[in-house]
Amino acid sequence: MSDGALVGIFGGTFDPVHYGHLRLAEEARAALGLAEVRWIPAGQPPHRSAPQAAVEHRLAMLRLALAGNPAYSLDDSEALSAAPSYSVPTLERLRARLGAQRPLVLLLGVDAFLGLGSWHRWRELFGLAHLAVATRPGYTLEAGQMAPALAGEFHARRKHAAAALSAAPAGCILPFPITALDISATHLRATLRSGSGGSARYLLPDPVLDYIAGHKLYLADR
């Protein structure tokens, strides 16, 4: 991979990974010209309750879901760490490994981006990566929807073309539209908990659904 190749960073609990995650990553790869998407599952997410599936199961499901796509890679460093999974330390670690000039692109959904002001050391993100914000078709992300501090960053950093991501290693905010798939891990877990696993088919890859059934995951609340 050349030093100018764009690397997408996609974090989350992936509890479980589903087609909504996969479509976001694939459409980001195509729309933004990413050479690679690194999936980084959280071990101890600080902004939400602990994942229901144990880390070894979430990693196994991700490996099944990502198999066969050479543009996808799995980084298990955060998942296997006992420390809280904050984005700034994650990006600092990747910077140390990939170098200061490699463009990194943090992939976020709209809801996550709008809540950015509550993140640990959130302003430091812009010195470490670009932020690409996936929006629903027909949805326009505007500064008026944001808290004032985030709106100021958005106004100063917003770009309208993916080419801007290659011009610098970090610092841009780029909204981009993706296909709207109304799939949530919360709904999937509720469906699986009800015992009607068949109704979850086509919402996540078959090997992942078979793994869940084989290991009897999500059958009870924690």
C-alpha atoms as a PDB file:
ATOM      1  CA  MET A   1       0.000   0.000   0.000  1.00  0.00           C
ATOM      2  CA  SER A   2       1.437   3.392  -0.974  1.00  0.00           C
ATOM      3  CA  ASP A   3       1.882   6.189   1.568  1.00  0.00           C
ATOM      4  CA  GLY A   4      -0.935   8.135  -0.099  1.00  0.00           C
ATOM      5  CA  ALA A   5      -3.468   5.294  -0.003  1.00  0.00           C
ATOM      6  CA  LEU A   6      -6.573   6.149   2.034  1.00  0.00           C
ATOM      7  CA  VAL A   7      -7.227   3.897   5.021  1.00  0.00           C
ATOM      8  CA  GLY A   8     -10.764   3.769   6.416  1.00  0.00           C
ATOM      9  CA  ILE A   9     -11.191   3.188  10.153  1.00  0.00           C
ATOM     10  CA  PHE A  10     -14.476   1.621  11.242  1.00  0.00           C
ATOM     11  CA  GLY A  11     -15.068   1.105  14.954  1.00  0.00           C
ATOM     12  CA  GLY A  12     -17.999  -0.263  16.915  1.00  0.00           C
ATOM     13  CA  THR A  13     -19.085  -3.079  19.190  1.00  0.00           C
ATOM     14  CA  PHE A  14     -20.402  -5.176  16.261  1.00  0.00           C
ATOM     15  CA  ASP A  15     -22.669  -7.089  18.632  1.00  0.00           C
ATOM     16  CA  PRO A  16     -23.406  -8.702  16.220  1.00  0.00           C
ATOM     17  CA  VAL A  17     -22.010  -7.477  12.902  1.00  0.00           C
ATOM     18  CA  HIS A  18     -24.787  -7.143  10.291  1.00  0.00           C
ATOM     19  CA  TYR A  19     -25.458  -5.983   6.743  1.00  0.00           C
ATOM     20  CA  GLY A  20     -25.927  -2.377   7.837  1.00  0.00           C
ATOM     21  CA  HIS A  21     -22.289  -2.348   8.969  1.00  0.00           C
ATOM     22  CA  LEU A  22     -21.105  -4.114   5.839  1.00  0.00           C
ATOM     23  CA  ARG A  23     -22.961  -1.807   3.461  1.00  0.00           C
ATOM     24  CA  LEU A  24     -21.636   1.301   5.213  1.00  0.00           C
ATOM     25  CA  ALA A  25     -18.064   0.039   4.930  1.00  0.00           C
ATOM     26  CA  GLU A  26     -18.443  -1.033   1.311  1.00  0.00           C
ATOM     27  CA  GLU A  27     -20.166   2.139   0.152  1.00  0.00           C
ATOM     28  CA  ALA A  28     -17.556   4.234   1.992  1.00  0.00           C
ATOM     29  CA  ARG A  29     -14.779   2.270   0.300  1.00  0.00           C
ATOM     30  CA  ALA A  30     -16.271   2.908  -3.129  1.00  0.00           C
ATOM     31  CA  ALA A  31     -17.408   6.522  -2.626  1.00  0.00           C
ATOM     32  CA  LEU A  32     -14.274   7.731  -0.866  1.00  0.00           C
ATOM     33  CA  GLY A  33     -11.669   5.723  -2.765  1.00  0.00           C
ATOM     34  CA  LEU A  34     -10.443   3.826   0.292  1.00  0.00           C
ATOM     35  CA  ALA A  35      -7.679   1.306  -0.336  1.00  0.00           C
ATOM     36  CA  GLU A  36      -8.549  -0.511   2.877  1.00  0.00           C
ATOM     37  CA  VAL A  37     -11.138  -0.525   5.654  1.00  0.00           C
ATOM     38  CA  ARG A  38      -9.811  -1.532   9.067  1.00  0.00           C
ATOM     39  CA  TRP A  39     -12.535  -2.848  11.337  1.00  0.00           C
ATOM     40  CA  ILE A  40     -11.722  -2.132  14.985  1.00  0.00           C
ATOM     41  CA  PRO A  41     -14.187  -3.702  17.433  1.00  0.00           C
ATOM     42  CA  ALA A  42     -14.291  -2.114  20.877  1.00  0.00           C
ATOM     43  CA  GLY A  43     -13.455  -4.113  23.960  1.00  0.00           C
ATOM     44  CA  GLN A  44     -14.749  -1.777  26.677  1.00  0.00           C
ATOM     45  CA  PRO A  45     -16.918   0.897  24.981  1.00  0.00           C
ATOM     46  CA  PRO A  46     -17.082   3.940  27.301  1.00  0.00           C
ATOM     47  CA  HIS A  47     -20.334   5.419  25.925  1.00  0.00           C
ATOM     48  CA  ARG A  48     -22.586   2.370  26.171  1.00  0.00           C
ATOM     49  CA  SER A  49     -23.194  -0.779  28.181  1.00  0.00           C
ATOM     50  CA  ALA A  50     -20.856  -3.733  27.825  1.00  0.00           C
ATOM     51  CA  PRO A  51     -21.414  -5.888  24.710  1.00  0.00           C
ATOM     52  CA  GLN A  52     -23.656  -8.909  25.250  1.00  0.00           C
ATOM     53  CA  ALA A  53     -21.474 -11.341  23.295  1.00  0.00           C
ATOM     54  CA  ALA A  54     -18.029 -12.126  24.675  1.00  0.00           C
ATOM     55  CA  VAL A  55     -15.125 -10.631  22.778  1.00  0.00           C
ATOM     56  CA  GLU A  56     -14.004 -13.953  21.316  1.00  0.00           C
ATOM     57  CA  HIS A  57     -17.452 -14.429  19.770  1.00  0.00           C
ATOM     58  CA  ARG A  58     -17.610 -10.902  18.347  1.00  0.00           C
ATOM     59  CA  LEU A  59     -14.177 -11.351  16.786  1.00  0.00           C
ATOM     60  CA  ALA A  60     -15.136 -14.742  15.359  1.00  0.00           C
ATOM     61  CA  MET A  61     -18.328 -13.312  13.827  1.00  0.00           C
ATOM     62  CA  LEU A  62     -16.383 -10.436  12.285  1.00  0.00           C
ATOM     63  CA  ARG A  63     -13.849 -12.814  10.754  1.00  0.00           C
ATOM     64  CA  LEU A  64     -16.704 -14.739   9.159  1.00  0.00           C
ATOM     65  CA  ALA A  65     -18.377 -11.563   7.877  1.00  0.00           C
ATOM     66  CA  LEU A  66     -15.184 -10.055   6.436  1.00  0.00           C
ATOM     67  CA  ALA A  67     -13.865 -13.219   4.813  1.00  0.00           C
ATOM     68  CA  GLY A  68     -13.396 -12.967   1.070  1.00  0.00           C
ATOM     69  CA  ASN A  69     -13.091  -9.165   0.884  1.00  0.00           C
ATOM     70  CA  PRO A  70      -9.395  -8.280   0.419  1.00  0.00           C
ATOM     71  CA  ALA A  71     -10.094  -4.604   1.175  1.00  0.00           C
ATOM     72  CA  TYR A  72     -11.201  -5.440   4.730  1.00  0.00           C
ATOM     73  CA  SER A  73      -8.918  -6.169   7.675  1.00  0.00           C
ATOM     74  CA  LEU A  74      -9.627  -6.833  11.341  1.00  0.00           C
ATOM     75  CA  ASP A  75      -7.676  -5.064  14.083  1.00  0.00           C
ATOM     76  CA  ASP A  76      -8.322  -6.806  17.410  1.00  0.00           C
ATOM     77  CA  SER A  77      -6.065  -4.583  19.552  1.00  0.00           C
ATOM     78  CA  GLU A  78      -8.915  -2.656  21.206  1.00  0.00           C
ATOM     79  CA  ALA A  79     -11.088  -5.726  21.667  1.00  0.00           C
ATOM     80  CA  LEU A  80      -8.333  -7.558  23.537  1.00  0.00           C
ATOM     81  CA  SER A  81      -7.358  -4.602  25.714  1.00  0.00           C
ATOM     82  CA  ALA A  82      -8.676  -4.073  29.238  1.00  0.00           C
ATOM     83  CA  ALA A  83      -8.558  -0.289  28.743  1.00  0.00           C
ATOM     84  CA  PRO A  84     -11.628   1.713  27.594  1.00  0.00           C
ATOM     85  CA  SER A  85     -11.870   1.946  23.797  1.00  0.00           C
ATOM     86  CA  TYR A  86     -11.467   5.659  23.051  1.00  0.00           C
ATOM     87  CA  SER A  87     -11.019   6.823  19.456  1.00  0.00           C
ATOM     88  CA  VAL A  88      -8.127   9.244  20.029  1.00  0.00           C
ATOM     89  CA  PRO A  89      -5.740   6.649  21.540  1.00  0.00           C
ATOM     90  CA  THR A  90      -6.775   4.220  18.808  1.00  0.00           C
ATOM     91  CA  LEU A  91      -5.879   6.727  16.103  1.00  0.00           C
ATOM     92  CA  GLU A  92      -2.639   7.649  17.885  1.00  0.00           C
ATOM     93  CA  ARG A  93      -1.672   3.980  17.831  1.00  0.00           C
ATOM     94  CA  LEU A  94      -2.451   3.699  14.128  1.00  0.00           C
ATOM     95  CA  ARG A  95      -0.531   6.900  13.394  1.00  0.00           C
ATOM     96  CA  ALA A  96       2.530   5.494  15.146  1.00  0.00           C
ATOM     97  CA  ARG A  97       2.295   2.392  12.979  1.00  0.00           C
ATOM     98  CA  LEU A  98       1.323   3.923   9.628  1.00  0.00           C
ATOM     99  CA  GLY A  99       3.178   7.222   9.777  1.00  0.00           C
ATOM    100  CA  ALA A 100       2.213  10.863   9.954  1.00  0.00           C
ATOM    101  CA  GLN A 101       1.444  11.318   6.245  1.00  0.00           C
ATOM    102  CA  ARG A 102      -0.926   8.415   5.553  1.00  0.00           C
ATOM    103  CA  PRO A 103      -4.499   9.762   5.141  1.00  0.00           C
ATOM    104  CA  LEU A 104      -6.767   8.089   7.708  1.00  0.00           C
ATOM    105  CA  VAL A 105     -10.549   8.324   7.399  1.00  0.00           C
ATOM    106  CA  LEU A 106     -12.700   7.661  10.471  1.00  0.00           C
ATOM    107  CA  LEU A 107     -16.097   6.349   9.332  1.00  0.00           C
ATOM    108  CA  LEU A 108     -19.084   7.551  11.384  1.00  0.00           C
ATOM    109  CA  GLY A 109     -22.844   7.429  11.162  1.00  0.00           C
ATOM    110  CA  VAL A 110     -24.799  10.671  11.517  1.00  0.00           C
ATOM    111  CA  ASP A 111     -25.944   9.957  15.074  1.00  0.00           C
ATOM    112  CA  ALA A 112     -22.404   9.238  16.246  1.00  0.00           C
ATOM    113  CA  PHE A 113     -21.122  12.392  14.584  1.00  0.00           C
ATOM    114  CA  LEU A 114     -23.815  14.597  16.121  1.00  0.00           C
ATOM    115  CA  GLY A 115     -22.805  13.283  19.549  1.00  0.00           C
ATOM    116  CA  LEU A 116     -19.107  13.884  18.937  1.00  0.00           C
ATOM    117  CA  GLY A 117     -18.914  16.659  21.516  1.00  0.00           C
ATOM    118  CA  SER A 118     -19.338  14.097  24.305  1.00  0.00           C
ATOM    119  CA  TRP A 119     -16.375  12.005  23.128  1.00  0.00           C
ATOM    120  CA  HIS A 120     -13.092  11.824  25.026  1.00  0.00           C
ATOM    121  CA  ARG A 121     -10.633  14.457  23.657  1.00  0.00           C
ATOM    122  CA  TRP A 122     -12.855  14.846  20.613  1.00  0.00           C
ATOM    123  CA  ARG A 123     -11.178  17.919  19.147  1.00  0.00           C
ATOM    124  CA  GLU A 124      -7.931  15.955  18.839  1.00  0.00           C
ATOM    125  CA  LEU A 125      -9.590  13.655  16.301  1.00  0.00           C
ATOM    126  CA  PHE A 126      -9.141  16.276  13.576  1.00  0.00           C
ATOM    127  CA  GLY A 127      -5.370  16.223  13.919  1.00  0.00           C
ATOM    128  CA  LEU A 128      -5.313  12.460  13.543  1.00  0.00           C
ATOM    129  CA  ALA A 129      -7.856  11.619  10.821  1.00  0.00           C
ATOM    130  CA  HIS A 130     -10.471  12.881   8.418  1.00  0.00           C
ATOM    131  CA  LEU A 131     -14.078  12.239   9.456  1.00  0.00           C
ATOM    132  CA  ALA A 132     -16.428  10.770   6.847  1.00  0.00           C
ATOM    133  CA  VAL A 133     -20.066  10.934   7.945  1.00  0.00           C
ATOM    134  CA  ALA A 134     -22.510   8.475   6.359  1.00  0.00           C
ATOM    135  CA  THR A 135     -25.905  10.070   5.734  1.00  0.00           C
ATOM    136  CA  ARG A 136     -29.224   8.696   4.575  1.00  0.00           C
ATOM    137  CA  PRO A 137     -30.320   9.445   0.980  1.00  0.00           C
ATOM    138  CA  GLY A 138     -32.005  12.835   0.820  1.00  0.00           C
ATOM    139  CA  TYR A 139     -30.639  13.830   4.230  1.00  0.00           C
ATOM    140  CA  THR A 140     -28.603  17.045   4.449  1.00  0.00           C
ATOM    141  CA  LEU A 141     -26.208  17.429   7.355  1.00  0.00           C
ATOM    142  CA  GLU A 142     -26.278  21.068   8.471  1.00  0.00           C
ATOM    143  CA  ALA A 143     -24.471  23.008  11.187  1.00  0.00           C
ATOM    144  CA  GLY A 144     -27.821  24.028  12.671  1.00  0.00           C
ATOM    145  CA  GLN A 145     -28.359  20.439  13.849  1.00  0.00           C
ATOM    146  CA  MET A 146     -25.190  20.493  15.968  1.00  0.00           C
ATOM    147  CA  ALA A 147     -23.995  21.808  19.292  1.00  0.00           C
ATOM    148  CA  PRO A 148     -22.163  25.129  18.794  1.00  0.00           C
ATOM    149  CA  ALA A 149     -18.630  23.765  19.281  1.00  0.00           C
ATOM    150  CA  LEU A 150     -19.173  20.968  16.773  1.00  0.00           C
ATOM    151  CA  ALA A 151     -20.936  23.318  14.363  1.00  0.00           C
ATOM    152  CA  GLY A 152     -17.862  25.544  14.355  1.00  0.00           C
ATOM    153  CA  GLU A 153     -15.593  22.641  13.459  1.00  0.00           C
ATOM    154  CA  PHE A 154     -18.049  21.482  10.809  1.00  0.00           C
ATOM    155  CA  HIS A 155     -18.203  24.923   9.194  1.00  0.00           C
ATOM    156  CA  ALA A 156     -14.406  25.223   9.100  1.00  0.00           C
ATOM    157  CA  ARG A 157     -13.616  21.681   7.981  1.00  0.00           C
ATOM    158  CA  ARG A 158     -16.465  20.542   5.744  1.00  0.00           C
ATOM    159  CA  LYS A 159     -15.501  19.349   2.275  1.00  0.00           C
ATOM    160  CA  HIS A 160     -17.771  18.404  -0.604  1.00  0.00           C
ATOM    161  CA  ALA A 161     -15.539  16.100  -2.678  1.00  0.00           C
ATOM    162  CA  ALA A 162     -13.720  12.905  -1.746  1.00  0.00           C
ATOM    163  CA  ALA A 163     -10.593  14.188  -3.503  1.00  0.00           C
ATOM    164  CA  ALA A 164      -9.969  16.441  -0.487  1.00  0.00           C
ATOM    165  CA  LEU A 165      -9.170  13.378   1.618  1.00  0.00           C
ATOM    166  CA  SER A 166      -6.028  12.638  -0.384  1.00  0.00           C
ATOM    167  CA  ALA A 167      -4.701  16.195  -0.106  1.00  0.00           C
ATOM    168  CA  ALA A 168      -3.860  15.961   3.615  1.00  0.00           C
ATOM    169  CA  PRO A 169      -3.474  13.186   6.201  1.00  0.00           C
ATOM    170  CA  ALA A 170      -6.263  14.506   8.461  1.00  0.00           C
ATOM    171  CA  GLY A 171      -8.580  17.392   9.281  1.00  0.00           C
ATOM    172  CA  CYS A 172     -11.540  17.256   6.862  1.00  0.00           C
ATOM    173  CA  ILE A 173     -15.208  16.470   7.525  1.00  0.00           C
ATOM    174  CA  LEU A 174     -16.916  14.899   4.509  1.00  0.00           C
ATOM    175  CA  PRO A 175     -20.597  13.828   4.535  1.00  0.00           C
ATOM    176  CA  PHE A 176     -21.466  11.110   2.026  1.00  0.00           C
ATOM    177  CA  PRO A 177     -24.776   9.304   1.314  1.00  0.00           C
ATOM    178  CA  ILE A 178     -25.271   5.570   1.774  1.00  0.00           C
ATOM    179  CA  THR A 179     -28.145   3.169   1.135  1.00  0.00           C
ATOM    180  CA  ALA A 180     -30.629   3.327   4.004  1.00  0.00           C
ATOM    181  CA  LEU A 181     -30.818  -0.084   5.690  1.00  0.00           C
ATOM    182  CA  ASP A 182     -33.003  -0.074   8.797  1.00  0.00           C
ATOM    183  CA  ILE A 183     -31.044  -2.755  10.647  1.00  0.00           C
ATOM    184  CA  SER A 184     -29.879  -2.370  14.218  1.00  0.00           C
ATOM    185  CA  ALA A 185     -27.920  -4.704  16.463  1.00  0.00           C
ATOM    186  CA  THR A 186     -30.389  -3.959  19.269  1.00  0.00           C
ATOM    187  CA  HIS A 187     -33.322  -5.179  17.162  1.00  0.00           C
ATOM    188  CA  LEU A 188     -31.345  -8.199  15.989  1.00  0.00           C
ATOM    189  CA  ARG A 189     -30.502  -9.213  19.544  1.00  0.00           C
ATOM    190  CA  ALA A 190     -34.181  -8.928  20.521  1.00  0.00           C
ATOM    191  CA  THR A 191     -35.186 -11.050  17.531  1.00  0.00           C
ATOM    192  CA  LEU A 192     -32.588 -13.690  18.359  1.00  0.00           C
ATOM    193  CA  ARG A 193     -33.529 -13.639  22.045  1.00  0.00           C
ATOM    194  CA  SER A 194     -37.130 -14.456  21.118  1.00  0.00           C
ATOM    195  CA  GLY A 195     -35.927 -17.694  19.590  1.00  0.00           C
ATOM    196  CA  SER A 196     -37.163 -16.806  16.091  1.00  0.00           C
ATOM    197  CA  GLY A 197     -33.720 -16.854  14.535  1.00  0.00           C
ATOM    198  CA  GLY A 198     -35.172 -17.461  11.104  1.00  0.00           C
ATOM    199  CA  SER A 199     -36.593 -13.931  11.017  1.00  0.00           C
ATOM    200  CA  ALA A 200     -33.046 -12.562  11.359  1.00  0.00           C
ATOM    201  CA  ARG A 201     -31.954 -14.212   8.110  1.00  0.00           C
ATOM    202  CA  TYR A 202     -30.947 -11.750   5.374  1.00  0.00           C
ATOM    203  CA  LEU A 203     -30.211  -9.115   8.001  1.00  0.00           C
ATOM    204  CA  LEU A 204     -26.728 -10.476   8.632  1.00  0.00           C
ATOM    205  CA  PRO A 205     -24.503 -12.940   6.765  1.00  0.00           C
ATOM    206  CA  ASP A 206     -25.550 -16.587   6.947  1.00  0.00           C
ATOM    207  CA  PRO A 207     -22.201 -17.746   8.423  1.00  0.00           C
ATOM    208  CA  VAL A 208     -22.654 -15.220  11.241  1.00  0.00           C
ATOM    209  CA  LEU A 209     -26.245 -16.330  11.868  1.00  0.00           C
ATOM    210  CA  ASP A 210     -25.128 -19.971  11.895  1.00  0.00           C
ATOM    211  CA  TYR A 211     -22.351 -19.105  14.357  1.00  0.00           C
ATOM    212  CA  ILE A 212     -24.853 -17.392  16.650  1.00  0.00           C
ATOM    213  CA  ALA A 213     -27.135 -20.420  16.546  1.00  0.00           C
ATOM    214  CA  GLY A 214     -24.269 -22.851  17.079  1.00  0.00           C
ATOM    215  CA  HIS A 215     -23.000 -20.974  20.135  1.00  0.00           C
ATOM    216  CA  LYS A 216     -26.483 -20.067  21.469  1.00  0.00           C
ATOM    217  CA  LEU A 217     -25.677 -16.361  21.631  1.00  0.00           C
ATOM    218  CA  TYR A 218     -28.148 -13.616  22.605  1.00  0.00           C
ATOM    219  CA  LEU A 219     -30.652 -16.001  24.133  1.00  0.00           C
ATOM    220  CA  ALA A 220     -30.906 -14.132  27.450  1.00  0.00           C
ATOM    221  CA  ASP A 221     -30.454 -10.614  28.756  1.00  0.00           C
ATOM    222  CA  ARG A 222     -27.304  -9.887  30.675  1.00  0.00           C
END
